[in-house]
PDB file of N, CA and C in Angstrom:
ATOM      1  N   MET A   1       9.615   7.814  15.724  1.00  0.00           N
ATOM      2  CA  MET A   1       8.853   7.081  14.728  1.00  0.00           C
ATOM      3  C   MET A   1       8.438   7.990  13.583  1.00  0.00           C
ATOM      4  N   THR A   2       8.008   9.222  13.865  1.00  0.00           N
ATOM      5  CA  THR A   2       7.622  10.089  12.779  1.00  0.00           C
ATOM      6  C   THR A   2       8.708  10.358  11.782  1.00  0.00           C
ATOM      7  N   PHE A   3       9.959  10.506  12.303  1.00  0.00           N
ATOM      8  CA  PHE A   3      11.144  10.710  11.416  1.00  0.00           C
ATOM      9  C   PHE A   3      11.263   9.468  10.470  1.00  0.00           C
ATOM     10  N   GLU A   4      11.155   8.342  10.998  1.00  0.00           N
ATOM     11  CA  GLU A   4      11.367   7.077  10.184  1.00  0.00           C
ATOM     12  C   GLU A   4      10.333   7.066   9.105  1.00  0.00           C
ATOM     13  N   ILE A   5       9.036   7.370   9.499  1.00  0.00           N
ATOM     14  CA  ILE A   5       7.915   7.330   8.474  1.00  0.00           C
ATOM     15  C   ILE A   5       8.194   8.385   7.433  1.00  0.00           C
ATOM     16  N   ASP A   6       8.587   9.541   7.800  1.00  0.00           N
ATOM     17  CA  ASP A   6       8.812  10.640   6.760  1.00  0.00           C
ATOM     18  C   ASP A   6       9.951  10.175   5.835  1.00  0.00           C
ATOM     19  N   GLU A   7      11.015   9.691   6.386  1.00  0.00           N
ATOM     20  CA  GLU A   7      12.142   9.219   5.614  1.00  0.00           C
ATOM     21  C   GLU A   7      11.741   8.099   4.670  1.00  0.00           C
ATOM     22  N   THR A   8      10.997   7.153   5.154  1.00  0.00           N
ATOM     23  CA  THR A   8      10.505   6.040   4.225  1.00  0.00           C
ATOM     24  C   THR A   8       9.675   6.608   3.091  1.00  0.00           C
ATOM     25  N   LEU A   9       8.742   7.523   3.397  1.00  0.00           N
ATOM     26  CA  LEU A   9       7.924   8.175   2.483  1.00  0.00           C
ATOM     27  C   LEU A   9       8.673   8.931   1.419  1.00  0.00           C
ATOM     28  N   LYS A  10       9.723   9.688   1.830  1.00  0.00           N
ATOM     29  CA  LYS A  10      10.614  10.401   0.944  1.00  0.00           C
ATOM     30  C   LYS A  10      11.314   9.540  -0.021  1.00  0.00           C
ATOM     31  N   ARG A  11      11.934   8.382   0.640  1.00  0.00           N
ATOM     32  CA  ARG A  11      12.738   7.453  -0.150  1.00  0.00           C
ATOM     33  C   ARG A  11      11.882   6.796  -1.218  1.00  0.00           C
ATOM     34  N   LEU A  12      10.748   6.279  -0.838  1.00  0.00           N
ATOM     35  CA  LEU A  12       9.891   5.668  -1.885  1.00  0.00           C
ATOM     36  C   LEU A  12       9.341   6.572  -2.918  1.00  0.00           C
ATOM     37  N   SER A  13       9.008   7.728  -2.485  1.00  0.00           N
ATOM     38  CA  SER A  13       8.418   8.750  -3.420  1.00  0.00           C
ATOM     39  C   SER A  13       9.440   9.141  -4.558  1.00  0.00           C
ATOM     40  N   SER A  14      10.723   9.120  -4.164  1.00  0.00           N
ATOM     41  CA  SER A  14      11.758   9.509  -5.110  1.00  0.00           C
ATOM     42  C   SER A  14      12.132   8.401  -6.162  1.00  0.00           C
ATOM     43  N   ARG A  15      11.580   7.269  -5.958  1.00  0.00           N
ATOM     44  CA  ARG A  15      11.935   6.187  -6.923  1.00  0.00           C
ATOM     45  C   ARG A  15      11.212   6.496  -8.172  1.00  0.00           C
ATOM     46  N   ARG A  16      11.896   6.074  -9.346  1.00  0.00           N
ATOM     47  CA  ARG A  16      11.388   6.267 -10.735  1.00  0.00           C
ATOM     48  C   ARG A  16      10.040   5.524 -10.887  1.00  0.00           C
ATOM     49  N   GLY A  17       9.089   6.225 -11.379  1.00  0.00           N
ATOM     50  CA  GLY A  17       7.772   5.586 -11.650  1.00  0.00           C
ATOM     51  C   GLY A  17       6.721   5.663 -10.561  1.00  0.00           C
ATOM     52  N   VAL A  18       7.186   5.999  -9.337  1.00  0.00           N
ATOM     53  CA  VAL A  18       6.285   5.969  -8.246  1.00  0.00           C
ATOM     54  C   VAL A  18       5.374   7.257  -8.324  1.00  0.00           C
ATOM     55  N   LYS A  19       4.059   6.936  -8.291  1.00  0.00           N
ATOM     56  CA  LYS A  19       3.108   8.021  -8.378  1.00  0.00           C
ATOM     57  C   LYS A  19       2.535   8.417  -6.996  1.00  0.00           C
ATOM     58  N   ALA A  20       2.487   7.526  -6.068  1.00  0.00           N
ATOM     59  CA  ALA A  20       1.916   7.814  -4.750  1.00  0.00           C
ATOM     60  C   ALA A  20       2.406   6.768  -3.725  1.00  0.00           C
ATOM     61  N   VAL A  21       2.407   7.233  -2.538  1.00  0.00           N
ATOM     62  CA  VAL A  21       2.743   6.444  -1.343  1.00  0.00           C
ATOM     63  C   VAL A  21       1.772   6.784  -0.229  1.00  0.00           C
ATOM     64  N   VAL A  22       1.155   5.789   0.291  1.00  0.00           N
ATOM     65  CA  VAL A  22       0.182   6.005   1.312  1.00  0.00           C
ATOM     66  C   VAL A  22       0.533   5.022   2.463  1.00  0.00           C
ATOM     67  N   ILE A  23       0.580   5.510   3.667  1.00  0.00           N
ATOM     68  CA  ILE A  23       0.735   4.687   4.914  1.00  0.00           C
ATOM     69  C   ILE A  23      -0.456   4.793   5.773  1.00  0.00           C
ATOM     70  N   LEU A  24      -1.063   3.616   6.099  1.00  0.00           N
ATOM     71  CA  LEU A  24      -2.348   3.592   6.834  1.00  0.00           C
ATOM     72  C   LEU A  24      -2.048   2.916   8.195  1.00  0.00           C
ATOM     73  N   ASN A  25      -2.848   3.179   9.243  1.00  0.00           N
ATOM     74  CA  ASN A  25      -2.749   2.507  10.446  1.00  0.00           C
ATOM     75  C   ASN A  25      -3.612   1.263  10.299  1.00  0.00           C
ATOM     76  N   SER A  26      -3.676   0.492  11.356  1.00  0.00           N
ATOM     77  CA  SER A  26      -4.462  -0.750  11.336  1.00  0.00           C
ATOM     78  C   SER A  26      -5.984  -0.565  11.185  1.00  0.00           C
ATOM     79  N   GLU A  27      -6.510   0.592  11.433  1.00  0.00           N
ATOM     80  CA  GLU A  27      -7.878   0.848  11.165  1.00  0.00           C
ATOM     81  C   GLU A  27      -8.199   1.333   9.755  1.00  0.00           C
ATOM     82  N   GLY A  28      -7.092   1.583   8.991  1.00  0.00           N
ATOM     83  CA  GLY A  28      -7.260   2.067   7.592  1.00  0.00           C
ATOM     84  C   GLY A  28      -7.293   3.461   7.425  1.00  0.00           C
ATOM     85  N   GLN A  29      -6.842   4.168   8.489  1.00  0.00           N
ATOM     86  CA  GLN A  29      -6.781   5.685   8.451  1.00  0.00           C
ATOM     87  C   GLN A  29      -5.360   6.090   8.034  1.00  0.00           C
ATOM     88  N   ALA A  30      -5.343   7.119   7.164  1.00  0.00           N
ATOM     89  CA  ALA A  30      -4.039   7.513   6.734  1.00  0.00           C
ATOM     90  C   ALA A  30      -3.226   8.261   7.750  1.00  0.00           C
ATOM     91  N   ILE A  31      -1.959   7.844   7.803  1.00  0.00           N
ATOM     92  CA  ILE A  31      -0.954   8.387   8.674  1.00  0.00           C
ATOM     93  C   ILE A  31      -0.204   9.496   7.871  1.00  0.00           C
ATOM     94  N   ARG A  32       0.262   9.042   6.661  1.00  0.00           N
ATOM     95  CA  ARG A  32       0.993   9.874   5.765  1.00  0.00           C
ATOM     96  C   ARG A  32       0.542   9.556   4.315  1.00  0.00           C
ATOM     97  N   SER A  33       0.604  10.481   3.399  1.00  0.00           N
ATOM     98  CA  SER A  33       0.195  10.272   2.046  1.00  0.00           C
ATOM     99  C   SER A  33       0.745  11.252   1.156  1.00  0.00           C
ATOM    100  N   THR A  34       1.080  10.908  -0.124  1.00  0.00           N
ATOM    101  CA  THR A  34       1.498  11.873  -1.031  1.00  0.00           C
ATOM    102  C   THR A  34       0.306  12.298  -2.083  1.00  0.00           C
ATOM    103  N   LEU A  35      -0.848  11.741  -1.719  1.00  0.00           N
ATOM    104  CA  LEU A  35      -2.085  12.064  -2.540  1.00  0.00           C
ATOM    105  C   LEU A  35      -2.870  13.042  -1.814  1.00  0.00           C
ATOM    106  N   ASP A  36      -3.850  13.621  -2.534  1.00  0.00           N
ATOM    107  CA  ASP A  36      -4.831  14.590  -1.946  1.00  0.00           C
ATOM    108  C   ASP A  36      -5.697  13.825  -0.971  1.00  0.00           C
ATOM    109  N   GLU A  37      -6.371  14.567  -0.117  1.00  0.00           N
ATOM    110  CA  GLU A  37      -7.133  13.970   1.010  1.00  0.00           C
ATOM    111  C   GLU A  37      -8.251  12.960   0.494  1.00  0.00           C
ATOM    112  N   GLU A  38      -8.920  13.455  -0.503  1.00  0.00           N
ATOM    113  CA  GLU A  38     -10.063  12.574  -1.003  1.00  0.00           C
ATOM    114  C   GLU A  38      -9.572  11.214  -1.630  1.00  0.00           C
ATOM    115  N   LEU A  39      -8.504  11.279  -2.446  1.00  0.00           N
ATOM    116  CA  LEU A  39      -7.917  10.123  -3.069  1.00  0.00           C
ATOM    117  C   LEU A  39      -7.309   9.291  -1.953  1.00  0.00           C
ATOM    118  N   THR A  40      -6.665   9.894  -1.023  1.00  0.00           N
ATOM    119  CA  THR A  40      -6.037   9.016   0.066  1.00  0.00           C
ATOM    120  C   THR A  40      -7.099   8.319   0.770  1.00  0.00           C
ATOM    121  N   LYS A  41      -8.261   8.952   1.139  1.00  0.00           N
ATOM    122  CA  LYS A  41      -9.350   8.305   1.833  1.00  0.00           C
ATOM    123  C   LYS A  41      -9.935   7.092   1.011  1.00  0.00           C
ATOM    124  N   GLN A  42     -10.052   7.324  -0.344  1.00  0.00           N
ATOM    125  CA  GLN A  42     -10.583   6.354  -1.227  1.00  0.00           C
ATOM    126  C   GLN A  42      -9.629   5.099  -1.269  1.00  0.00           C
ATOM    127  N   TYR A  43      -8.364   5.413  -1.502  1.00  0.00           N
ATOM    128  CA  TYR A  43      -7.353   4.248  -1.494  1.00  0.00           C
ATOM    129  C   TYR A  43      -7.369   3.520  -0.114  1.00  0.00           C
ATOM    130  N   GLY A  44      -7.386   4.314   0.950  1.00  0.00           N
ATOM    131  CA  GLY A  44      -7.357   3.658   2.237  1.00  0.00           C
ATOM    132  C   GLY A  44      -8.573   2.705   2.498  1.00  0.00           C
ATOM    133  N   GLN A  45      -9.688   3.154   2.110  1.00  0.00           N
ATOM    134  CA  GLN A  45     -10.919   2.267   2.465  1.00  0.00           C
ATOM    135  C   GLN A  45     -10.874   1.061   1.454  1.00  0.00           C
ATOM    136  N   LEU A  46     -10.605   1.266   0.241  1.00  0.00           N
ATOM    137  CA  LEU A  46     -10.630   0.174  -0.737  1.00  0.00           C
ATOM    138  C   LEU A  46      -9.488  -0.824  -0.586  1.00  0.00           C
ATOM    139  N   ILE A  47      -8.271  -0.343  -0.415  1.00  0.00           N
ATOM    140  CA  ILE A  47      -7.195  -1.155  -0.264  1.00  0.00           C
ATOM    141  C   ILE A  47      -7.270  -1.992   1.043  1.00  0.00           C
ATOM    142  N   SER A  48      -7.679  -1.302   2.136  1.00  0.00           N
ATOM    143  CA  SER A  48      -7.823  -2.032   3.491  1.00  0.00           C
ATOM    144  C   SER A  48      -8.809  -3.159   3.292  1.00  0.00           C
ATOM    145  N   SER A  49      -9.927  -2.963   2.589  1.00  0.00           N
ATOM    146  CA  SER A  49     -10.971  -3.993   2.356  1.00  0.00           C
ATOM    147  C   SER A  49     -10.291  -5.137   1.527  1.00  0.00           C
ATOM    148  N   LEU A  50      -9.534  -4.825   0.482  1.00  0.00           N
ATOM    149  CA  LEU A  50      -8.945  -5.787  -0.396  1.00  0.00           C
ATOM    150  C   LEU A  50      -7.961  -6.658   0.466  1.00  0.00           C
ATOM    151  N   VAL A  51      -7.159  -6.043   1.317  1.00  0.00           N
ATOM    152  CA  VAL A  51      -6.193  -6.692   2.137  1.00  0.00           C
ATOM    153  C   VAL A  51      -6.819  -7.653   3.114  1.00  0.00           C
ATOM    154  N   GLN A  52      -7.970  -7.222   3.707  1.00  0.00           N
ATOM    155  CA  GLN A  52      -8.707  -8.036   4.599  1.00  0.00           C
ATOM    156  C   GLN A  52      -9.238  -9.294   3.874  1.00  0.00           C
ATOM    157  N   GLN A  53      -9.782  -9.133   2.720  1.00  0.00           N
ATOM    158  CA  GLN A  53     -10.306 -10.274   1.876  1.00  0.00           C
ATOM    159  C   GLN A  53      -9.084 -11.145   1.490  1.00  0.00           C
ATOM    160  N   ALA A  54      -8.024 -10.639   1.109  1.00  0.00           N
ATOM    161  CA  ALA A  54      -6.855 -11.467   0.789  1.00  0.00           C
ATOM    162  C   ALA A  54      -6.331 -12.215   1.998  1.00  0.00           C
ATOM    163  N   ARG A  55      -6.298 -11.597   3.125  1.00  0.00           N
ATOM    164  CA  ARG A  55      -5.857 -12.291   4.409  1.00  0.00           C
ATOM    165  C   ARG A  55      -6.783 -13.458   4.693  1.00  0.00           C
ATOM    166  N   THR A  56      -8.079 -13.211   4.554  1.00  0.00           N
ATOM    167  CA  THR A  56      -9.039 -14.207   4.834  1.00  0.00           C
ATOM    168  C   THR A  56      -8.983 -15.449   3.850  1.00  0.00           C
ATOM    169  N   THR A  57      -8.655 -15.111   2.623  1.00  0.00           N
ATOM    170  CA  THR A  57      -8.447 -16.148   1.620  1.00  0.00           C
ATOM    171  C   THR A  57      -7.314 -16.962   1.990  1.00  0.00           C
ATOM    172  N   VAL A  58      -6.176 -16.348   2.317  1.00  0.00           N
ATOM    173  CA  VAL A  58      -4.923 -17.002   2.540  1.00  0.00           C
ATOM    174  C   VAL A  58      -5.084 -17.892   3.820  1.00  0.00           C
ATOM    175  N   ALA A  59      -5.730 -17.372   4.835  1.00  0.00           N
ATOM    176  CA  ALA A  59      -5.955 -18.165   6.095  1.00  0.00           C
ATOM    177  C   ALA A  59      -6.956 -19.344   5.893  1.00  0.00           C
ATOM    178  N   THR A  60      -7.890 -19.107   4.986  1.00  0.00           N
ATOM    179  CA  THR A  60      -8.850 -20.175   4.689  1.00  0.00           C
ATOM    180  C   THR A  60      -8.130 -21.382   3.957  1.00  0.00           C
ATOM    181  N   LEU A  61      -7.215 -21.027   3.033  1.00  0.00           N
ATOM    182  CA  LEU A  61      -6.503 -22.008   2.321  1.00  0.00           C
ATOM    183  C   LEU A  61      -5.407 -22.702   3.239  1.00  0.00           C
ATOM    184  N   ASP A  62      -4.867 -22.004   4.127  1.00  0.00           N
ATOM    185  CA  ASP A  62      -3.822 -22.544   5.087  1.00  0.00           C
ATOM    186  C   ASP A  62      -3.833 -21.730   6.403  1.00  0.00           C
ATOM    187  N   ASP A  63      -4.434 -22.261   7.449  1.00  0.00           N
ATOM    188  CA  ASP A  63      -4.521 -21.512   8.605  1.00  0.00           C
ATOM    189  C   ASP A  63      -3.243 -21.244   9.343  1.00  0.00           C
ATOM    190  N   GLN A  64      -2.140 -21.732   8.856  1.00  0.00           N
ATOM    191  CA  GLN A  64      -0.787 -21.560   9.440  1.00  0.00           C
ATOM    192  C   GLN A  64      -0.123 -20.449   8.609  1.00  0.00           C
ATOM    193  N   ASN A  65      -0.716 -19.822   7.657  1.00  0.00           N
ATOM    194  CA  ASN A  65      -0.115 -18.883   6.761  1.00  0.00           C
ATOM    195  C   ASN A  65      -0.709 -17.467   6.976  1.00  0.00           C
ATOM    196  N   ASP A  66      -0.024 -16.434   6.434  1.00  0.00           N
ATOM    197  CA  ASP A  66      -0.555 -15.081   6.508  1.00  0.00           C
ATOM    198  C   ASP A  66      -0.042 -14.323   5.317  1.00  0.00           C
ATOM    199  N   LEU A  67      -0.782 -13.290   4.918  1.00  0.00           N
ATOM    200  CA  LEU A  67      -0.472 -12.387   3.803  1.00  0.00           C
ATOM    201  C   LEU A  67       0.747 -11.547   4.175  1.00  0.00           C
ATOM    202  N   THR A  68       1.727 -11.533   3.254  1.00  0.00           N
ATOM    203  CA  THR A  68       2.903 -10.620   3.576  1.00  0.00           C
ATOM    204  C   THR A  68       3.082  -9.588   2.555  1.00  0.00           C
ATOM    205  N   PHE A  69       2.537  -9.726   1.345  1.00  0.00           N
ATOM    206  CA  PHE A  69       2.714  -8.774   0.243  1.00  0.00           C
ATOM    207  C   PHE A  69       1.664  -8.986  -0.784  1.00  0.00           C
ATOM    208  N   LEU A  70       1.144  -8.013  -1.365  1.00  0.00           N
ATOM    209  CA  LEU A  70       0.061  -8.057  -2.384  1.00  0.00           C
ATOM    210  C   LEU A  70       0.366  -7.110  -3.504  1.00  0.00           C
ATOM    211  N   ARG A  71       0.388  -7.606  -4.727  1.00  0.00           N
ATOM    212  CA  ARG A  71       0.649  -6.749  -5.920  1.00  0.00           C
ATOM    213  C   ARG A  71      -0.477  -6.864  -6.877  1.00  0.00           C
ATOM    214  N   VAL A  72      -1.009  -5.676  -7.236  1.00  0.00           N
ATOM    215  CA  VAL A  72      -2.118  -5.622  -8.172  1.00  0.00           C
ATOM    216  C   VAL A  72      -1.693  -4.836  -9.366  1.00  0.00           C
ATOM    217  N   ARG A  73      -1.760  -5.375 -10.548  1.00  0.00           N
ATOM    218  CA  ARG A  73      -1.335  -4.694 -11.762  1.00  0.00           C
ATOM    219  C   ARG A  73      -2.554  -4.433 -12.617  1.00  0.00           C
ATOM    220  N   THR A  74      -2.744  -3.216 -13.005  1.00  0.00           N
ATOM    221  CA  THR A  74      -3.769  -2.773 -13.940  1.00  0.00           C
ATOM    222  C   THR A  74      -3.224  -2.256 -15.248  1.00  0.00           C
ATOM    223  N   LYS A  75      -4.065  -1.793 -16.108  1.00  0.00           N
ATOM    224  CA  LYS A  75      -3.505  -1.290 -17.423  1.00  0.00           C
ATOM    225  C   LYS A  75      -2.690  -0.059 -17.175  1.00  0.00           C
ATOM    226  N   LYS A  76      -3.044   0.721 -16.225  1.00  0.00           N
ATOM    227  CA  LYS A  76      -2.345   2.000 -15.912  1.00  0.00           C
ATOM    228  C   LYS A  76      -1.244   2.011 -14.851  1.00  0.00           C
ATOM    229  N   HIS A  77      -1.522   1.205 -13.745  1.00  0.00           N
ATOM    230  CA  HIS A  77      -0.722   1.316 -12.654  1.00  0.00           C
ATOM    231  C   HIS A  77      -0.424  -0.089 -12.044  1.00  0.00           C
ATOM    232  N   GLU A  78       0.530  -0.108 -11.183  1.00  0.00           N
ATOM    233  CA  GLU A  78       0.852  -1.257 -10.317  1.00  0.00           C
ATOM    234  C   GLU A  78       0.754  -0.829  -8.924  1.00  0.00           C
ATOM    235  N   ILE A  79      -0.141  -1.474  -8.081  1.00  0.00           N
ATOM    236  CA  ILE A  79      -0.288  -1.135  -6.797  1.00  0.00           C
ATOM    237  C   ILE A  79       0.376  -2.278  -5.886  1.00  0.00           C
ATOM    238  N   MET A  80       1.353  -1.780  -5.089  1.00  0.00           N
ATOM    239  CA  MET A  80       2.081  -2.793  -4.226  1.00  0.00           C
ATOM    240  C   MET A  80       1.689  -2.481  -2.894  1.00  0.00           C
ATOM    241  N   ILE A  81       1.328  -3.549  -2.148  1.00  0.00           N
ATOM    242  CA  ILE A  81       0.737  -3.377  -0.772  1.00  0.00           C
ATOM    243  C   ILE A  81       1.583  -4.320   0.166  1.00  0.00           C
ATOM    244  N   ALA A  82       2.053  -3.680   1.218  1.00  0.00           N
ATOM    245  CA  ALA A  82       2.781  -4.405   2.291  1.00  0.00           C
ATOM    246  C   ALA A  82       2.051  -4.309   3.572  1.00  0.00           C
ATOM    247  N   PRO A  83       1.214  -5.314   3.900  1.00  0.00           N
ATOM    248  CA  PRO A  83       0.493  -5.250   5.193  1.00  0.00           C
ATOM    249  C   PRO A  83       1.350  -5.651   6.351  1.00  0.00           C
ATOM    250  N   ASP A  84       1.047  -5.033   7.441  1.00  0.00           N
ATOM    251  CA  ASP A  84       1.716  -5.421   8.697  1.00  0.00           C
ATOM    252  C   ASP A  84       0.627  -5.369   9.845  1.00  0.00           C
ATOM    253  N   HIS A  85       1.002  -5.767  10.985  1.00  0.00           N
ATOM    254  CA  HIS A  85      -0.064  -5.812  12.031  1.00  0.00           C
ATOM    255  C   HIS A  85      -0.485  -4.378  12.443  1.00  0.00           C
ATOM    256  N   GLU A  86       0.391  -3.467  12.381  1.00  0.00           N
ATOM    257  CA  GLU A  86       0.050  -2.081  12.826  1.00  0.00           C
ATOM    258  C   GLU A  86      -0.086  -1.106  11.624  1.00  0.00           C
ATOM    259  N   TYR A  87       0.550  -1.394  10.530  1.00  0.00           N
ATOM    260  CA  TYR A  87       0.556  -0.424   9.350  1.00  0.00           C
ATOM    261  C   TYR A  87       0.215  -1.143   8.065  1.00  0.00           C
ATOM    262  N   LEU A  88      -0.061  -0.366   7.057  1.00  0.00           N
ATOM    263  CA  LEU A  88      -0.364  -0.736   5.774  1.00  0.00           C
ATOM    264  C   LEU A  88       0.355   0.183   4.806  1.00  0.00           C
ATOM    265  N   LEU A  89       1.292  -0.304   4.013  1.00  0.00           N
ATOM    266  CA  LEU A  89       2.043   0.514   3.047  1.00  0.00           C
ATOM    267  C   LEU A  89       1.540   0.279   1.726  1.00  0.00           C
ATOM    268  N   ILE A  90       1.165   1.412   0.969  1.00  0.00           N
ATOM    269  CA  ILE A  90       0.663   1.266  -0.371  1.00  0.00           C
ATOM    270  C   ILE A  90       1.525   2.094  -1.268  1.00  0.00           C
ATOM    271  N   VAL A  91       2.035   1.475  -2.343  1.00  0.00           N
ATOM    272  CA  VAL A  91       2.842   2.220  -3.315  1.00  0.00           C
ATOM    273  C   VAL A  91       2.187   2.049  -4.640  1.00  0.00           C
ATOM    274  N   VAL A  92       1.902   3.193  -5.387  1.00  0.00           N
ATOM    275  CA  VAL A  92       1.305   3.176  -6.611  1.00  0.00           C
ATOM    276  C   VAL A  92       2.361   3.648  -7.615  1.00  0.00           C
ATOM    277  N   GLN A  93       2.592   2.842  -8.631  1.00  0.00           N
ATOM    278  CA  GLN A  93       3.571   3.248  -9.660  1.00  0.00           C
ATOM    279  C   GLN A  93       3.127   2.947 -11.044  1.00  0.00           C
ATOM    280  N   ASN A  94       3.776   3.668 -11.858  1.00  0.00           N
ATOM    281  CA  ASN A  94       3.551   3.411 -13.264  1.00  0.00           C
ATOM    282  C   ASN A  94       4.607   2.401 -13.778  1.00  0.00           C
ATOM    283  N   PRO A  95       4.258   1.189 -14.040  1.00  0.00           N
ATOM    284  CA  PRO A  95       5.275   0.211 -14.317  1.00  0.00           C
ATOM    285  C   PRO A  95       6.147   0.499 -15.585  1.00  0.00           C
ATOM    286  N   GLN A  96       5.564   1.259 -16.563  1.00  0.00           N
ATOM    287  CA  GLN A  96       6.434   1.562 -17.764  1.00  0.00           C
ATOM    288  C   GLN A  96       7.518   2.536 -17.363  1.00  0.00           C
ATOM    289  N   GLU A  97       7.193   3.468 -16.548  1.00  0.00           N
ATOM    290  CA  GLU A  97       8.301   4.435 -16.085  1.00  0.00           C
ATOM    291  C   GLU A  97       9.237   3.790 -15.191  1.00  0.00           C
ATOM    292  N   ALA A  98       8.862   2.879 -14.388  1.00  0.00           N
ATOM    293  CA  ALA A  98       9.740   2.210 -13.416  1.00  0.00           C
ATOM    294  C   ALA A  98      10.763   1.300 -14.167  1.00  0.00           C
ATOM    295  N   MET A  99      10.370   0.837 -15.380  1.00  0.00           N
ATOM    296  CA  MET A  99      11.323  -0.030 -16.082  1.00  0.00           C
ATOM    297  C   MET A  99      12.374   0.754 -16.936  1.00  0.00           C
ATOM    298  N   GLN A 100      12.090   2.020 -17.182  1.00  0.00           N
ATOM    299  CA  GLN A 100      12.983   2.797 -18.016  1.00  0.00           C
ATOM    300  C   GLN A 100      14.237   3.210 -17.323  1.00  0.00           C
TER     301      GLN A 100
END
């Protein structure tokens, strides 16, 4: 499993425009990250909270539905979040670089 995680991290990090990749466990603790420890912790806490709120919203609107992907675009970055039952994948990219 560790090899697969490392390979995924390497593959995603090498994509054009990708600034960071963070993989969290279901409790929001970082398993792997390309960010420093403090920033990883901050992303982990905030994104985990955002995902939980989004899941609750989706379930409230349709109890037969679940969140599969979340994309947040800001002036500087685009944050793509792929939640799973065991893991949470966060990719931060600069959308201008990714399009070039």
